[in-house]
C-alpha cells in the first residue's frame, strides 16, 4: 500500500490481539488529525476495535 503524508494504515478487530489491515485511512480535513476509513465488518459485530498506525 502506497502511503502519502495524509494517509496511514488502519487496522480493526473484534479483539485487541489480532487486528487485520483495513487499508488506508485518509486524514480529513488535511492536517487536522482526524482519519476516515472503511470497516467492512462494522455492521456484523457488536464491538470492534480500530486503530490507525503511524510509522
N, C-alpha and C. Protein backbone atom coordinates (compact mmCIF):
# COMPACT_ATOMS: atom_id res chain seq x y z
N UNK A 1 0.84 -1.17 0.00
CA UNK A 1 0.00 0.00 0.00
C UNK A 1 0.89 1.24 0.00
N UNK A 2 0.67 2.11 -0.94
CA UNK A 2 1.43 3.35 -1.00
C UNK A 2 0.76 4.38 -0.10
N UNK A 3 1.54 4.96 0.81
CA UNK A 3 1.00 5.95 1.74
C UNK A 3 1.54 7.32 1.40
N UNK A 4 0.70 8.32 1.56
CA UNK A 4 1.13 9.70 1.39
C UNK A 4 1.15 10.34 2.76
N UNK A 5 1.45 11.62 2.81
CA UNK A 5 1.53 12.31 4.10
C UNK A 5 0.16 12.39 4.78
N UNK A 6 -0.93 12.22 4.03
CA UNK A 6 -2.27 12.31 4.61
C UNK A 6 -2.96 10.97 4.72
N UNK A 7 -2.24 9.85 4.53
CA UNK A 7 -2.83 8.53 4.70
C UNK A 7 -1.94 7.67 5.58
N UNK A 8 -2.57 6.85 6.41
CA UNK A 8 -1.88 5.91 7.28
C UNK A 8 -2.65 4.59 7.24
N UNK A 9 -2.01 3.47 7.57
CA UNK A 9 -2.73 2.19 7.56
C UNK A 9 -3.69 2.08 8.74
N UNK A 10 -4.90 1.57 8.49
CA UNK A 10 -5.90 1.35 9.52
C UNK A 10 -6.03 -0.15 9.78
N UNK A 11 -6.28 -0.51 11.04
CA UNK A 11 -6.47 -1.90 11.44
C UNK A 11 -7.75 -2.01 12.25
N UNK A 12 -8.36 -3.19 12.24
CA UNK A 12 -9.57 -3.41 13.01
C UNK A 12 -9.69 -4.85 13.43
N UNK A 13 -10.38 -5.09 14.55
CA UNK A 13 -10.56 -6.45 15.06
C UNK A 13 -11.65 -6.47 16.11
N UNK A 14 -12.22 -7.65 16.33
CA UNK A 14 -13.19 -7.80 17.42
C UNK A 14 -12.48 -8.05 18.75
N UNK A 15 -11.18 -8.34 18.69
CA UNK A 15 -10.33 -8.41 19.89
C UNK A 15 -9.13 -7.51 19.66
N UNK A 16 -8.46 -7.14 20.70
CA UNK A 16 -7.29 -6.27 20.54
C UNK A 16 -6.04 -7.05 20.14
N UNK A 17 -6.10 -8.36 20.20
CA UNK A 17 -4.90 -9.16 19.98
C UNK A 17 -4.54 -9.38 18.53
N UNK A 18 -5.52 -9.50 17.64
CA UNK A 18 -5.24 -9.88 16.26
C UNK A 18 -5.90 -8.93 15.26
N UNK A 19 -5.44 -7.69 15.18
CA UNK A 19 -6.05 -6.76 14.22
C UNK A 19 -5.67 -7.12 12.79
N UNK A 20 -6.58 -6.86 11.87
CA UNK A 20 -6.30 -7.08 10.46
C UNK A 20 -6.29 -5.74 9.73
N UNK A 21 -5.53 -5.69 8.65
CA UNK A 21 -5.44 -4.45 7.88
C UNK A 21 -6.75 -4.16 7.17
N UNK A 22 -7.17 -2.90 7.24
CA UNK A 22 -8.40 -2.46 6.57
C UNK A 22 -8.10 -1.64 5.33
N UNK A 23 -6.85 -1.24 5.17
CA UNK A 23 -6.48 -0.38 4.06
C UNK A 23 -6.10 1.00 4.56
N UNK A 24 -6.06 1.96 3.68
CA UNK A 24 -5.62 3.29 4.08
C UNK A 24 -6.70 4.07 4.83
N UNK A 25 -6.24 4.84 5.81
CA UNK A 25 -7.08 5.81 6.49
C UNK A 25 -6.64 7.19 6.00
N UNK A 26 -7.57 7.98 5.54
CA UNK A 26 -7.26 9.28 4.94
C UNK A 26 -7.55 10.37 5.96
N UNK A 27 -6.58 11.24 6.16
CA UNK A 27 -6.75 12.36 7.09
C UNK A 27 -7.65 13.41 6.45
N UNK A 28 -8.79 13.69 7.10
CA UNK A 28 -9.74 14.67 6.56
C UNK A 28 -10.28 15.56 7.66
N UNK A 29 -10.27 16.82 7.54
CA UNK A 29 -9.52 17.57 6.54
C UNK A 29 -8.02 17.43 6.81
N UNK A 30 -7.22 17.70 5.81
CA UNK A 30 -5.77 17.52 5.90
C UNK A 30 -5.20 18.30 7.09
N UNK A 31 -4.28 17.67 7.79
CA UNK A 31 -3.54 18.27 8.91
C UNK A 31 -4.40 18.57 10.12
N UNK A 32 -5.54 17.90 10.27
CA UNK A 32 -6.39 18.12 11.44
C UNK A 32 -6.36 16.95 12.42
N UNK A 33 -5.73 15.82 12.05
CA UNK A 33 -5.61 14.69 12.96
C UNK A 33 -6.81 13.77 13.01
N UNK A 34 -7.78 13.93 12.13
CA UNK A 34 -8.94 13.04 12.06
C UNK A 34 -8.83 12.20 10.80
N UNK A 35 -9.07 10.88 10.94
CA UNK A 35 -8.90 9.97 9.82
C UNK A 35 -10.20 9.24 9.52
N UNK A 36 -10.46 8.99 8.24
CA UNK A 36 -11.63 8.23 7.80
C UNK A 36 -11.18 6.99 7.07
N UNK A 37 -11.87 5.87 7.33
CA UNK A 37 -11.58 4.61 6.67
C UNK A 37 -12.84 3.79 6.65
N UNK A 38 -12.84 2.70 5.88
CA UNK A 38 -13.99 1.82 5.77
C UNK A 38 -13.73 0.55 6.55
N UNK A 39 -14.66 0.19 7.45
CA UNK A 39 -14.58 -1.05 8.21
C UNK A 39 -15.65 -2.00 7.74
N UNK A 40 -15.33 -2.94 6.82
CA UNK A 40 -16.35 -3.79 6.22
C UNK A 40 -17.08 -4.71 7.21
N UNK A 41 -16.48 -5.01 8.36
CA UNK A 41 -17.12 -5.87 9.35
C UNK A 41 -17.86 -5.08 10.44
N UNK A 42 -17.93 -3.79 10.32
CA UNK A 42 -18.52 -2.95 11.37
C UNK A 42 -19.97 -3.31 11.67
N UNK A 43 -20.76 -3.65 10.69
CA UNK A 43 -22.17 -3.94 10.92
C UNK A 43 -22.41 -5.38 11.39
N UNK A 44 -21.38 -6.24 11.32
CA UNK A 44 -21.54 -7.65 11.69
C UNK A 44 -21.13 -7.96 13.12
N UNK A 45 -20.56 -7.01 13.84
CA UNK A 45 -20.06 -7.25 15.18
C UNK A 45 -20.63 -6.24 16.16
N UNK A 46 -20.85 -6.70 17.39
CA UNK A 46 -21.37 -5.81 18.43
C UNK A 46 -20.31 -4.78 18.82
N UNK A 47 -19.05 -5.22 18.90
CA UNK A 47 -17.97 -4.33 19.29
C UNK A 47 -16.75 -4.58 18.41
N UNK A 48 -16.11 -3.50 17.97
CA UNK A 48 -14.88 -3.59 17.18
C UNK A 48 -13.87 -2.61 17.75
N UNK A 49 -12.61 -2.95 17.62
CA UNK A 49 -11.50 -2.06 17.99
C UNK A 49 -10.83 -1.61 16.70
N UNK A 50 -10.53 -0.33 16.62
CA UNK A 50 -9.88 0.23 15.44
C UNK A 50 -8.67 1.04 15.87
N UNK A 51 -7.68 1.07 14.99
CA UNK A 51 -6.54 1.97 15.22
C UNK A 51 -5.92 2.35 13.89
N UNK A 52 -5.31 3.50 13.90
CA UNK A 52 -4.55 3.98 12.75
C UNK A 52 -3.09 3.97 13.17
N UNK A 53 -2.25 3.27 12.41
CA UNK A 53 -0.84 3.15 12.77
C UNK A 53 -0.03 4.25 12.13
N UNK A 54 0.87 4.79 12.92
CA UNK A 54 1.79 5.82 12.44
C UNK A 54 3.19 5.22 12.37
N UNK A 55 3.92 5.51 11.30
CA UNK A 55 5.26 4.92 11.18
C UNK A 55 6.21 5.40 12.25
